[in-house]
Amino acid sequence: MADINRIIDAIDEFLERNHQKTTTPVEINPILELKGLLNDSSSRPGLPIRKILRNGQIPHAYQIGVNWQIPHSEKTSKESRPAIFTNTENEIEKLPNAASLDNYKLKPIGDLILEIIENKYKQKVSCFYEYKPDWLISFPTKQQVEKYNEINDIYFKLVDNKFNLIEQLSKLTTQKLRQRQSFDIWIGEPYNFAVEFDEKQHFNQFRKKTLDYYNNIDTKFPIQLYQKLNNGVEIRPGNSGFTRLKSFDPLFPEILDGEKQDNRIRQRAFRDYLKDLLPIENGFNATLRIPYHVTNKNIKDFTFIEIENVRKYILENRLI
């Protein structure tokens, strides 16, 4: 029988050590297994701790939609909860500086995906925007690089064969190692997949290079279409934040001579690949990508026709 008090102490210790406000079943169950407290499920990561949560044995844990969040046992104020949008209550938790769900530009696309799922599977599902799971890191771990040769190969190409990824990773600060990305949209349990709406900055000569390395991972977007959309698209070096990093990244230092750089574009292409790989690595479904070409390159205030174009793109490519 699981020792609930020891499990709670281990979760608290993990949160304190990593300076996190909350953790999730998928993230914490492997830690508990390493400590000999609760074996994880190989087929459904996080399931054993979810059963304990459902039984109410960790009373300070809470759900947002159908997803569990586990805060510190002694730091459980509502202010510590993340700002997440859900379709079940059609609201956002009222946190400081929280954006309005009604004004969020991708909500029409989120609503469309929910409609498609509910019509097909006759089941309500939660939808989260600007979702930042603990496992969606900005920099791969050494273990992930060793497991997936593609990460190292992609990086080597993106930096013109000038740097070694493992060596550059060793230069990251603790703060950098904790840095995470966010998904545009996350569709909750039991579907568990991200949706990325790719705008202009995601199509260029560097993103094209990464598309050659998808043979060994699942995808929920048409690779051939994305290769075509990246053909002949070149973003030149510049001084703006669109092309040049404003803060130093050991993985993507300035490579070119002069003030004009393109390391932001290289970094973005690398992180897009991580957004496609990491859900699979963590036991979730593949990332669904929608190119802005589908909405006639419009990125907000979508018309009825543009949303119907998204529907057609999803259904014709069997992405759901």
C-alpha atoms as a PDB file:
ATOM      1  CA  MET A   1       0.000   0.000   0.000  1.00  0.00           C
ATOM      2  CA  ALA A   2       1.282   3.457  -0.901  1.00  0.00           C
ATOM      3  CA  ASP A   3       2.584   5.583   1.963  1.00  0.00           C
ATOM      4  CA  ILE A   4       0.674   8.806   1.264  1.00  0.00           C
ATOM      5  CA  ASN A   5       2.583  10.897   3.813  1.00  0.00           C
ATOM      6  CA  ARG A   6       5.932   9.941   2.283  1.00  0.00           C
ATOM      7  CA  ILE A   7       4.567  10.606  -1.207  1.00  0.00           C
ATOM      8  CA  ILE A   8       3.416  14.089  -0.190  1.00  0.00           C
ATOM      9  CA  ASP A   9       6.813  14.792   1.424  1.00  0.00           C
ATOM     10  CA  ALA A  10       8.575  13.667  -1.764  1.00  0.00           C
ATOM     11  CA  ILE A  11       6.380  15.917  -3.903  1.00  0.00           C
ATOM     12  CA  ASP A  12       7.065  18.882  -1.604  1.00  0.00           C
ATOM     13  CA  GLU A  13      10.792  18.175  -1.793  1.00  0.00           C
ATOM     14  CA  PHE A  14      10.654  18.026  -5.603  1.00  0.00           C
ATOM     15  CA  LEU A  15       8.790  21.342  -5.830  1.00  0.00           C
ATOM     16  CA  GLU A  16      11.202  23.068  -3.466  1.00  0.00           C
ATOM     17  CA  ARG A  17      14.288  21.729  -5.218  1.00  0.00           C
ATOM     18  CA  ASN A  18      13.046  22.783  -8.659  1.00  0.00           C
ATOM     19  CA  HIS A  19      11.478  26.067  -7.489  1.00  0.00           C
ATOM     20  CA  GLN A  20       8.114  25.051  -8.948  1.00  0.00           C
ATOM     21  CA  LYS A  21       4.656  25.970  -7.728  1.00  0.00           C
ATOM     22  CA  THR A  22       2.976  22.796  -8.974  1.00  0.00           C
ATOM     23  CA  THR A  23       3.699  19.466 -10.615  1.00  0.00           C
ATOM     24  CA  THR A  24       1.647  17.005 -12.651  1.00  0.00           C
ATOM     25  CA  PRO A  25       1.082  13.234 -12.463  1.00  0.00           C
ATOM     26  CA  VAL A  26       3.183  12.584 -15.583  1.00  0.00           C
ATOM     27  CA  GLU A  27       6.090  14.602 -14.217  1.00  0.00           C
ATOM     28  CA  ILE A  28       6.081  13.404 -10.601  1.00  0.00           C
ATOM     29  CA  ASN A  29       5.292   9.685 -10.914  1.00  0.00           C
ATOM     30  CA  PRO A  30       8.760   8.795 -12.314  1.00  0.00           C
ATOM     31  CA  ILE A  31      10.325  10.681  -9.385  1.00  0.00           C
ATOM     32  CA  LEU A  32       8.219   8.740  -6.919  1.00  0.00           C
ATOM     33  CA  GLU A  33       9.218   5.476  -8.624  1.00  0.00           C
ATOM     34  CA  LEU A  34      12.914   6.345  -8.341  1.00  0.00           C
ATOM     35  CA  LYS A  35      12.382   6.859  -4.612  1.00  0.00           C
ATOM     36  CA  GLY A  36      10.656   3.480  -4.339  1.00  0.00           C
ATOM     37  CA  LEU A  37       7.343   5.064  -3.308  1.00  0.00           C
ATOM     38  CA  LEU A  38       5.024   4.454  -6.275  1.00  0.00           C
ATOM     39  CA  ASN A  39       5.746   2.544  -9.484  1.00  0.00           C
ATOM     40  CA  ASP A  40       4.720   4.327 -12.672  1.00  0.00           C
ATOM     41  CA  SER A  41       2.721   2.830 -15.544  1.00  0.00           C
ATOM     42  CA  SER A  42       4.706   2.176 -18.732  1.00  0.00           C
ATOM     43  CA  SER A  43       1.604   2.350 -20.922  1.00  0.00           C
ATOM     44  CA  ARG A  44      -0.109   5.274 -19.185  1.00  0.00           C
ATOM     45  CA  PRO A  45       2.479   7.512 -17.506  1.00  0.00           C
ATOM     46  CA  GLY A  46       1.190   9.130 -14.311  1.00  0.00           C
ATOM     47  CA  LEU A  47      -1.780   6.779 -13.916  1.00  0.00           C
ATOM     48  CA  PRO A  48      -0.857   5.432 -10.417  1.00  0.00           C
ATOM     49  CA  ILE A  49      -0.613   8.897  -8.860  1.00  0.00           C
ATOM     50  CA  ARG A  50      -3.790   9.979 -10.711  1.00  0.00           C
ATOM     51  CA  LYS A  51      -5.668   7.140  -9.003  1.00  0.00           C
ATOM     52  CA  ILE A  52      -4.485   8.431  -5.630  1.00  0.00           C
ATOM     53  CA  LEU A  53      -5.593  11.943  -6.577  1.00  0.00           C
ATOM     54  CA  ARG A  54      -9.020  10.729  -7.690  1.00  0.00           C
ATOM     55  CA  ASN A  55      -9.437   9.002  -4.329  1.00  0.00           C
ATOM     56  CA  GLY A  56      -8.870  12.331  -2.573  1.00  0.00           C
ATOM     57  CA  GLN A  57      -5.776  11.089  -0.744  1.00  0.00           C
ATOM     58  CA  ILE A  58      -3.824  14.268  -1.580  1.00  0.00           C
ATOM     59  CA  PRO A  59      -6.476  16.802  -0.559  1.00  0.00           C
ATOM     60  CA  HIS A  60      -4.541  19.944  -1.498  1.00  0.00           C
ATOM     61  CA  ALA A  61      -4.293  18.853  -5.169  1.00  0.00           C
ATOM     62  CA  TYR A  62      -6.826  20.275  -7.598  1.00  0.00           C
ATOM     63  CA  GLN A  63      -8.037  19.939 -11.171  1.00  0.00           C
ATOM     64  CA  ILE A  64      -8.240  22.445 -13.990  1.00  0.00           C
ATOM     65  CA  GLY A  65     -10.670  20.882 -16.401  1.00  0.00           C
ATOM     66  CA  VAL A  66      -9.629  17.219 -16.254  1.00  0.00           C
ATOM     67  CA  ASN A  67      -5.939  17.869 -15.605  1.00  0.00           C
ATOM     68  CA  TRP A  68      -4.437  17.487 -12.131  1.00  0.00           C
ATOM     69  CA  GLN A  69      -2.138  20.040 -10.522  1.00  0.00           C
ATOM     70  CA  ILE A  70      -0.279  19.179  -7.318  1.00  0.00           C
ATOM     71  CA  PRO A  71       1.036  22.166  -5.324  1.00  0.00           C
ATOM     72  CA  HIS A  72       3.148  22.172  -2.185  1.00  0.00           C
ATOM     73  CA  SER A  73       1.180  20.813   0.766  1.00  0.00           C
ATOM     74  CA  GLU A  74       1.824  23.974   2.786  1.00  0.00           C
ATOM     75  CA  LYS A  75       1.558  26.499  -0.075  1.00  0.00           C
ATOM     76  CA  THR A  76      -1.834  25.928  -1.608  1.00  0.00           C
ATOM     77  CA  SER A  77      -3.315  29.390  -2.005  1.00  0.00           C
ATOM     78  CA  LYS A  78      -5.352  30.019  -5.140  1.00  0.00           C
ATOM     79  CA  GLU A  79      -2.838  32.664  -6.205  1.00  0.00           C
ATOM     80  CA  SER A  80      -0.323  29.875  -6.852  1.00  0.00           C
ATOM     81  CA  ARG A  81      -2.497  28.315  -9.533  1.00  0.00           C
ATOM     82  CA  PRO A  82      -1.605  28.925 -13.185  1.00  0.00           C
ATOM     83  CA  ALA A  83      -3.648  31.048 -15.552  1.00  0.00           C
ATOM     84  CA  ILE A  84      -5.378  28.537 -17.815  1.00  0.00           C
ATOM     85  CA  PHE A  85      -8.378  28.851 -20.061  1.00  0.00           C
ATOM     86  CA  THR A  86     -10.972  26.069 -20.161  1.00  0.00           C
ATOM     87  CA  ASN A  87     -14.019  25.536 -22.288  1.00  0.00           C
ATOM     88  CA  THR A  88     -15.885  23.768 -19.491  1.00  0.00           C
ATOM     89  CA  GLU A  89     -16.515  26.958 -17.573  1.00  0.00           C
ATOM     90  CA  ASN A  90     -15.670  29.341 -20.411  1.00  0.00           C
ATOM     91  CA  GLU A  91     -13.533  31.442 -18.133  1.00  0.00           C
ATOM     92  CA  ILE A  92     -10.011  32.156 -17.034  1.00  0.00           C
ATOM     93  CA  GLU A  93      -8.949  32.158 -13.412  1.00  0.00           C
ATOM     94  CA  LYS A  94      -8.742  35.760 -12.303  1.00  0.00           C
ATOM     95  CA  LEU A  95      -5.029  36.265 -11.853  1.00  0.00           C
ATOM     96  CA  PRO A  96      -3.103  39.529 -12.199  1.00  0.00           C
ATOM     97  CA  ASN A  97      -2.482  40.549 -15.817  1.00  0.00           C
ATOM     98  CA  ALA A  98      -4.504  37.592 -17.120  1.00  0.00           C
ATOM     99  CA  ALA A  99      -5.679  38.008 -20.702  1.00  0.00           C
ATOM    100  CA  SER A 100      -9.351  37.786 -21.585  1.00  0.00           C
ATOM    101  CA  LEU A 101     -10.373  34.445 -23.049  1.00  0.00           C
ATOM    102  CA  ASP A 102     -12.983  36.090 -25.243  1.00  0.00           C
ATOM    103  CA  ASN A 103     -10.306  38.268 -26.856  1.00  0.00           C
ATOM    104  CA  TYR A 104      -7.730  35.500 -27.290  1.00  0.00           C
ATOM    105  CA  LYS A 105      -7.039  35.401 -31.003  1.00  0.00           C
ATOM    106  CA  LEU A 106      -6.865  31.611 -31.345  1.00  0.00           C
ATOM    107  CA  LYS A 107     -10.075  30.874 -29.434  1.00  0.00           C
ATOM    108  CA  PRO A 108     -12.097  30.403 -32.680  1.00  0.00           C
ATOM    109  CA  ILE A 109      -9.644  27.678 -33.718  1.00  0.00           C
ATOM    110  CA  GLY A 110      -9.793  26.104 -30.261  1.00  0.00           C
ATOM    111  CA  ASP A 111     -13.588  26.144 -30.378  1.00  0.00           C
ATOM    112  CA  LEU A 112     -13.529  24.528 -33.812  1.00  0.00           C
ATOM    113  CA  ILE A 113     -11.278  21.683 -32.635  1.00  0.00           C
ATOM    114  CA  LEU A 114     -13.520  21.087 -29.623  1.00  0.00           C
ATOM    115  CA  GLU A 115     -16.529  20.961 -31.926  1.00  0.00           C
ATOM    116  CA  ILE A 116     -14.845  18.433 -34.227  1.00  0.00           C
ATOM    117  CA  ILE A 117     -13.880  16.200 -31.302  1.00  0.00           C
ATOM    118  CA  GLU A 118     -17.284  16.412 -29.637  1.00  0.00           C
ATOM    119  CA  ASN A 119     -19.106  15.674 -32.901  1.00  0.00           C
ATOM    120  CA  LYS A 120     -16.864  12.715 -33.656  1.00  0.00           C
ATOM    121  CA  TYR A 121     -16.509  11.154 -30.204  1.00  0.00           C
ATOM    122  CA  LYS A 122     -19.633  12.473 -28.436  1.00  0.00           C
ATOM    123  CA  GLN A 123     -17.525  13.613 -25.512  1.00  0.00           C
ATOM    124  CA  LYS A 124     -16.831  16.986 -23.922  1.00  0.00           C
ATOM    125  CA  VAL A 125     -13.180  17.917 -23.602  1.00  0.00           C
ATOM    126  CA  SER A 126     -11.188  20.725 -22.011  1.00  0.00           C
ATOM    127  CA  CYS A 127      -9.122  23.241 -23.959  1.00  0.00           C
ATOM    128  CA  PHE A 128      -6.197  25.256 -22.568  1.00  0.00           C
ATOM    129  CA  TYR A 129      -4.462  28.254 -24.135  1.00  0.00           C
ATOM    130  CA  GLU A 130      -0.825  29.331 -23.798  1.00  0.00           C
ATOM    131  CA  TYR A 131      -0.336  26.039 -21.956  1.00  0.00           C
ATOM    132  CA  LYS A 132       3.105  25.584 -20.390  1.00  0.00           C
ATOM    133  CA  PRO A 133       3.581  22.028 -19.062  1.00  0.00           C
ATOM    134  CA  ASP A 134       6.604  21.330 -16.897  1.00  0.00           C
ATOM    135  CA  TRP A 135       8.052  18.933 -19.446  1.00  0.00           C
ATOM    136  CA  LEU A 136       7.993  21.374 -22.394  1.00  0.00           C
ATOM    137  CA  ILE A 137      11.548  22.566 -21.830  1.00  0.00           C
ATOM    138  CA  SER A 138      13.365  25.050 -24.031  1.00  0.00           C
ATOM    139  CA  PHE A 139      16.583  23.043 -23.973  1.00  0.00           C
ATOM    140  CA  PRO A 140      16.844  19.255 -24.359  1.00  0.00           C
ATOM    141  CA  THR A 141      18.445  17.230 -21.606  1.00  0.00           C
ATOM    142  CA  LYS A 142      21.644  15.281 -22.156  1.00  0.00           C
ATOM    143  CA  GLN A 143      19.631  12.081 -21.803  1.00  0.00           C
ATOM    144  CA  GLN A 144      17.219  13.160 -24.540  1.00  0.00           C
ATOM    145  CA  VAL A 145      20.079  14.042 -26.878  1.00  0.00           C
ATOM    146  CA  GLU A 146      21.623  10.618 -26.305  1.00  0.00           C
ATOM    147  CA  LYS A 147      18.271   8.911 -26.886  1.00  0.00           C
ATOM    148  CA  TYR A 148      17.327  10.821 -30.049  1.00  0.00           C
ATOM    149  CA  ASN A 149      20.178  11.195 -32.546  1.00  0.00           C
ATOM    150  CA  GLU A 150      17.958  13.531 -34.561  1.00  0.00           C
ATOM    151  CA  ILE A 151      18.259  16.279 -31.936  1.00  0.00           C
ATOM    152  CA  ASN A 152      22.030  16.349 -32.265  1.00  0.00           C
ATOM    153  CA  ASP A 153      21.932  16.132 -36.069  1.00  0.00           C
ATOM    154  CA  ILE A 154      19.412  18.968 -36.367  1.00  0.00           C
ATOM    155  CA  TYR A 155      21.374  21.181 -33.998  1.00  0.00           C
ATOM    156  CA  PHE A 156      24.620  20.557 -35.882  1.00  0.00           C
ATOM    157  CA  LYS A 157      22.995  21.665 -39.139  1.00  0.00           C
ATOM    158  CA  LEU A 158      21.331  24.706 -37.599  1.00  0.00           C
ATOM    159  CA  VAL A 159      24.652  26.061 -36.278  1.00  0.00           C
ATOM    160  CA  ASP A 160      26.564  25.425 -39.495  1.00  0.00           C
ATOM    161  CA  ASN A 161      28.496  22.524 -37.926  1.00  0.00           C
ATOM    162  CA  LYS A 162      30.287  24.922 -35.580  1.00  0.00           C
ATOM    163  CA  PHE A 163      29.242  23.698 -32.119  1.00  0.00           C
ATOM    164  CA  ASN A 164      28.784  20.488 -30.178  1.00  0.00           C
ATOM    165  CA  LEU A 165      25.354  20.272 -28.551  1.00  0.00           C
ATOM    166  CA  ILE A 166      26.417  18.415 -25.399  1.00  0.00           C
ATOM    167  CA  GLU A 167      29.237  20.904 -24.814  1.00  0.00           C
ATOM    168  CA  GLN A 168      26.917  23.873 -25.295  1.00  0.00           C
ATOM    169  CA  LEU A 169      24.296  22.369 -22.971  1.00  0.00           C
ATOM    170  CA  SER A 170      26.896  22.180 -20.221  1.00  0.00           C
ATOM    171  CA  LYS A 171      27.146  25.980 -20.345  1.00  0.00           C
ATOM    172  CA  LEU A 172      23.491  26.522 -19.408  1.00  0.00           C
ATOM    173  CA  THR A 173      22.699  28.110 -16.060  1.00  0.00           C
ATOM    174  CA  THR A 174      20.241  26.519 -13.632  1.00  0.00           C
ATOM    175  CA  GLN A 175      17.736  29.206 -14.543  1.00  0.00           C
ATOM    176  CA  LYS A 176      18.080  28.405 -18.247  1.00  0.00           C
ATOM    177  CA  LEU A 177      17.626  24.700 -17.593  1.00  0.00           C
ATOM    178  CA  ARG A 178      14.267  25.424 -15.953  1.00  0.00           C
ATOM    179  CA  GLN A 179      13.063  27.571 -18.851  1.00  0.00           C
ATOM    180  CA  ARG A 180       9.942  26.252 -20.566  1.00  0.00           C
ATOM    181  CA  GLN A 181       8.011  26.871 -23.743  1.00  0.00           C
ATOM    182  CA  SER A 182       4.245  27.089 -24.147  1.00  0.00           C
ATOM    183  CA  PHE A 183       1.797  25.579 -26.615  1.00  0.00           C
ATOM    184  CA  ASP A 184      -0.745  27.780 -28.368  1.00  0.00           C
ATOM    185  CA  ILE A 185      -3.520  25.331 -27.463  1.00  0.00           C
ATOM    186  CA  TRP A 186      -3.665  22.116 -25.449  1.00  0.00           C
ATOM    187  CA  ILE A 187      -6.533  19.647 -25.760  1.00  0.00           C
ATOM    188  CA  GLY A 188      -7.014  17.827 -22.454  1.00  0.00           C
ATOM    189  CA  GLU A 189      -7.604  14.242 -21.391  1.00  0.00           C
ATOM    190  CA  PRO A 190      -8.169  11.711 -22.787  1.00  0.00           C
ATOM    191  CA  TYR A 191      -6.876  13.181 -26.073  1.00  0.00           C
ATOM    192  CA  ASN A 192      -3.836  15.046 -24.754  1.00  0.00           C
ATOM    193  CA  PHE A 193      -2.361  16.853 -27.731  1.00  0.00           C
ATOM    194  CA  ALA A 194      -1.048  20.313 -28.530  1.00  0.00           C
ATOM    195  CA  VAL A 195      -2.131  22.626 -31.328  1.00  0.00           C
ATOM    196  CA  GLU A 196       0.335  25.089 -32.826  1.00  0.00           C
ATOM    197  CA  PHE A 197      -0.771  27.847 -35.189  1.00  0.00           C
ATOM    198  CA  ASP A 198       2.322  28.568 -37.276  1.00  0.00           C
ATOM    199  CA  GLU A 199       2.678  32.166 -38.413  1.00  0.00           C
ATOM    200  CA  LYS A 200       5.203  33.721 -40.798  1.00  0.00           C
ATOM    201  CA  GLN A 201       8.228  33.356 -38.508  1.00  0.00           C
ATOM    202  CA  HIS A 202       7.907  29.552 -38.545  1.00  0.00           C
ATOM    203  CA  PHE A 203       8.586  29.238 -42.271  1.00  0.00           C
ATOM    204  CA  ASN A 204      12.170  29.712 -43.411  1.00  0.00           C
ATOM    205  CA  GLN A 205      15.378  28.047 -44.525  1.00  0.00           C
ATOM    206  CA  PHE A 206      16.175  26.734 -41.037  1.00  0.00           C
ATOM    207  CA  ARG A 207      12.798  25.198 -40.306  1.00  0.00           C
ATOM    208  CA  LYS A 208      13.072  23.457 -43.675  1.00  0.00           C
ATOM    209  CA  LYS A 209      16.232  21.690 -42.465  1.00  0.00           C
ATOM    210  CA  THR A 210      14.469  20.226 -39.424  1.00  0.00           C
ATOM    211  CA  LEU A 211      11.686  18.689 -41.521  1.00  0.00           C
ATOM    212  CA  ASP A 212      14.095  16.014 -42.796  1.00  0.00           C
ATOM    213  CA  TYR A 213      14.182  14.444 -39.317  1.00  0.00           C
ATOM    214  CA  TYR A 214      10.600  13.341 -38.699  1.00  0.00           C
ATOM    215  CA  ASN A 215      10.841   9.725 -39.855  1.00  0.00           C
ATOM    216  CA  ASN A 216      10.987   8.307 -36.336  1.00  0.00           C
ATOM    217  CA  ILE A 217       8.342  10.389 -34.543  1.00  0.00           C
ATOM    218  CA  ASP A 218       4.599  10.677 -34.956  1.00  0.00           C
ATOM    219  CA  THR A 219       3.249  13.834 -36.541  1.00  0.00           C
ATOM    220  CA  LYS A 220      -0.166  15.411 -36.773  1.00  0.00           C
ATOM    221  CA  PHE A 221       0.527  17.680 -39.719  1.00  0.00           C
ATOM    222  CA  PRO A 222       1.357  16.927 -43.375  1.00  0.00           C
ATOM    223  CA  ILE A 223       5.158  16.940 -43.623  1.00  0.00           C
ATOM    224  CA  GLN A 224       5.163  17.251 -47.412  1.00  0.00           C
ATOM    225  CA  LEU A 225       2.956  20.335 -47.240  1.00  0.00           C
ATOM    226  CA  TYR A 226       5.238  21.918 -44.635  1.00  0.00           C
ATOM    227  CA  GLN A 227       8.284  21.149 -46.770  1.00  0.00           C
ATOM    228  CA  LYS A 228       6.586  22.822 -49.714  1.00  0.00           C
ATOM    229  CA  LEU A 229       5.619  25.876 -47.657  1.00  0.00           C
ATOM    230  CA  ASN A 230       9.237  26.273 -46.526  1.00  0.00           C
ATOM    231  CA  ASN A 231      10.721  25.895 -50.005  1.00  0.00           C
ATOM    232  CA  GLY A 232      12.346  29.073 -51.226  1.00  0.00           C
ATOM    233  CA  VAL A 233      11.488  31.009 -48.055  1.00  0.00           C
ATOM    234  CA  GLU A 234      14.555  32.798 -46.733  1.00  0.00           C
ATOM    235  CA  ILE A 235      14.624  35.165 -43.795  1.00  0.00           C
ATOM    236  CA  ARG A 236      17.743  37.278 -43.895  1.00  0.00           C
ATOM    237  CA  PRO A 237      19.812  38.322 -40.859  1.00  0.00           C
ATOM    238  CA  GLY A 238      18.740  41.522 -39.147  1.00  0.00           C
ATOM    239  CA  ASN A 239      18.859  43.588 -35.973  1.00  0.00           C
ATOM    240  CA  SER A 240      15.274  43.120 -34.795  1.00  0.00           C
ATOM    241  CA  GLY A 241      14.046  40.598 -32.244  1.00  0.00           C
ATOM    242  CA  PHE A 242      12.508  38.738 -35.169  1.00  0.00           C
ATOM    243  CA  THR A 243      15.937  37.603 -36.351  1.00  0.00           C
ATOM    244  CA  ARG A 244      18.436  38.385 -33.591  1.00  0.00           C
ATOM    245  CA  LEU A 245      18.357  37.124 -29.995  1.00  0.00           C
ATOM    246  CA  LYS A 246      18.271  39.904 -27.413  1.00  0.00           C
ATOM    247  CA  SER A 247      19.596  37.700 -24.615  1.00  0.00           C
ATOM    248  CA  PHE A 248      22.495  35.260 -24.836  1.00  0.00           C
ATOM    249  CA  ASP A 249      21.702  31.625 -25.573  1.00  0.00           C
ATOM    250  CA  PRO A 250      24.731  29.284 -25.316  1.00  0.00           C
ATOM    251  CA  LEU A 251      23.144  26.987 -27.899  1.00  0.00           C
ATOM    252  CA  PHE A 252      22.679  29.752 -30.446  1.00  0.00           C
ATOM    253  CA  PRO A 253      25.363  32.414 -30.030  1.00  0.00           C
ATOM    254  CA  GLU A 254      25.919  34.995 -32.728  1.00  0.00           C
ATOM    255  CA  ILE A 255      27.454  33.179 -35.670  1.00  0.00           C
ATOM    256  CA  LEU A 256      27.683  35.850 -38.353  1.00  0.00           C
ATOM    257  CA  ASP A 257      30.056  38.796 -38.606  1.00  0.00           C
ATOM    258  CA  GLY A 258      28.575  42.211 -37.939  1.00  0.00           C
ATOM    259  CA  GLU A 259      25.462  43.428 -36.169  1.00  0.00           C
ATOM    260  CA  LYS A 260      22.941  41.570 -38.297  1.00  0.00           C
ATOM    261  CA  GLN A 261      22.248  38.056 -37.040  1.00  0.00           C
ATOM    262  CA  ASP A 262      19.832  35.182 -37.624  1.00  0.00           C
ATOM    263  CA  ASN A 263      20.304  33.188 -34.400  1.00  0.00           C
ATOM    264  CA  ARG A 264      16.693  33.817 -33.318  1.00  0.00           C
ATOM    265  CA  ILE A 265      15.451  32.078 -36.466  1.00  0.00           C
ATOM    266  CA  ARG A 266      17.773  29.120 -35.884  1.00  0.00           C
ATOM    267  CA  GLN A 267      16.661  28.860 -32.245  1.00  0.00           C
ATOM    268  CA  ARG A 268      12.974  29.006 -33.191  1.00  0.00           C
ATOM    269  CA  ALA A 269      13.362  26.167 -35.706  1.00  0.00           C
ATOM    270  CA  PHE A 270      15.104  24.034 -33.071  1.00  0.00           C
ATOM    271  CA  ARG A 271      12.426  24.676 -30.459  1.00  0.00           C
ATOM    272  CA  ASP A 272       9.652  23.913 -32.945  1.00  0.00           C
ATOM    273  CA  TYR A 273      11.183  20.476 -33.364  1.00  0.00           C
ATOM    274  CA  LEU A 274      11.256  20.030 -29.589  1.00  0.00           C
ATOM    275  CA  LYS A 275       7.555  20.936 -29.456  1.00  0.00           C
ATOM    276  CA  ASP A 276       6.886  18.061 -31.826  1.00  0.00           C
ATOM    277  CA  LEU A 277       9.183  15.571 -30.104  1.00  0.00           C
ATOM    278  CA  LEU A 278       8.592  16.208 -26.388  1.00  0.00           C
ATOM    279  CA  PRO A 279       4.868  15.328 -26.279  1.00  0.00           C
ATOM    280  CA  ILE A 280       5.731  11.918 -27.753  1.00  0.00           C
ATOM    281  CA  GLU A 281       8.637  11.533 -25.336  1.00  0.00           C
ATOM    282  CA  ASN A 282       6.301  12.222 -22.412  1.00  0.00           C
ATOM    283  CA  GLY A 283       3.558   9.803 -23.408  1.00  0.00           C
ATOM    284  CA  PHE A 284       1.151  12.219 -25.104  1.00  0.00           C
ATOM    285  CA  ASN A 285      -0.137  12.463 -28.660  1.00  0.00           C
ATOM    286  CA  ALA A 286       1.514  14.245 -31.560  1.00  0.00           C
ATOM    287  CA  THR A 287       1.350  18.011 -32.001  1.00  0.00           C
ATOM    288  CA  LEU A 288      -1.233  19.253 -34.496  1.00  0.00           C
ATOM    289  CA  ARG A 289       0.177  22.102 -36.580  1.00  0.00           C
ATOM    290  CA  ILE A 290      -1.862  24.549 -38.639  1.00  0.00           C
ATOM    291  CA  PRO A 291       0.016  26.787 -41.107  1.00  0.00           C
ATOM    292  CA  TYR A 292      -1.242  30.337 -41.342  1.00  0.00           C
ATOM    293  CA  HIS A 293      -1.545  29.855 -45.077  1.00  0.00           C
ATOM    294  CA  VAL A 294      -4.783  27.965 -44.335  1.00  0.00           C
ATOM    295  CA  THR A 295      -6.336  31.190 -43.008  1.00  0.00           C
ATOM    296  CA  ASN A 296      -5.047  33.190 -45.978  1.00  0.00           C
ATOM    297  CA  LYS A 297      -2.113  34.349 -43.804  1.00  0.00           C
ATOM    298  CA  ASN A 298      -4.513  36.052 -41.414  1.00  0.00           C
ATOM    299  CA  ILE A 299      -3.474  35.547 -37.774  1.00  0.00           C
ATOM    300  CA  LYS A 300      -6.475  36.942 -35.870  1.00  0.00           C
ATOM    301  CA  ASP A 301     -10.090  38.051 -36.222  1.00  0.00           C
ATOM    302  CA  PHE A 302     -10.736  35.051 -38.445  1.00  0.00           C
ATOM    303  CA  THR A 303     -13.657  35.126 -40.842  1.00  0.00           C
ATOM    304  CA  PHE A 304     -16.175  32.308 -41.135  1.00  0.00           C
ATOM    305  CA  ILE A 305     -14.529  31.192 -44.393  1.00  0.00           C
ATOM    306  CA  GLU A 306     -11.078  31.102 -42.779  1.00  0.00           C
ATOM    307  CA  ILE A 307     -12.308  28.952 -39.903  1.00  0.00           C
ATOM    308  CA  GLU A 308     -14.009  26.638 -42.402  1.00  0.00           C
ATOM    309  CA  ASN A 309     -10.668  26.401 -44.216  1.00  0.00           C
ATOM    310  CA  VAL A 310      -9.131  25.201 -40.955  1.00  0.00           C
ATOM    311  CA  ARG A 311     -11.910  22.627 -40.595  1.00  0.00           C
ATOM    312  CA  LYS A 312     -11.275  21.386 -44.145  1.00  0.00           C
ATOM    313  CA  TYR A 313      -7.505  21.204 -43.513  1.00  0.00           C
ATOM    314  CA  ILE A 314      -7.986  19.147 -40.339  1.00  0.00           C
ATOM    315  CA  LEU A 315     -10.571  16.770 -41.795  1.00  0.00           C
ATOM    316  CA  GLU A 316      -8.950  16.221 -45.193  1.00  0.00           C
ATOM    317  CA  ASN A 317      -5.592  15.463 -43.587  1.00  0.00           C
ATOM    318  CA  ARG A 318      -7.259  13.292 -40.911  1.00  0.00           C
ATOM    319  CA  LEU A 319      -5.505  15.160 -38.116  1.00  0.00           C
ATOM    320  CA  ILE A 320      -8.215  14.362 -35.525  1.00  0.00           C
END
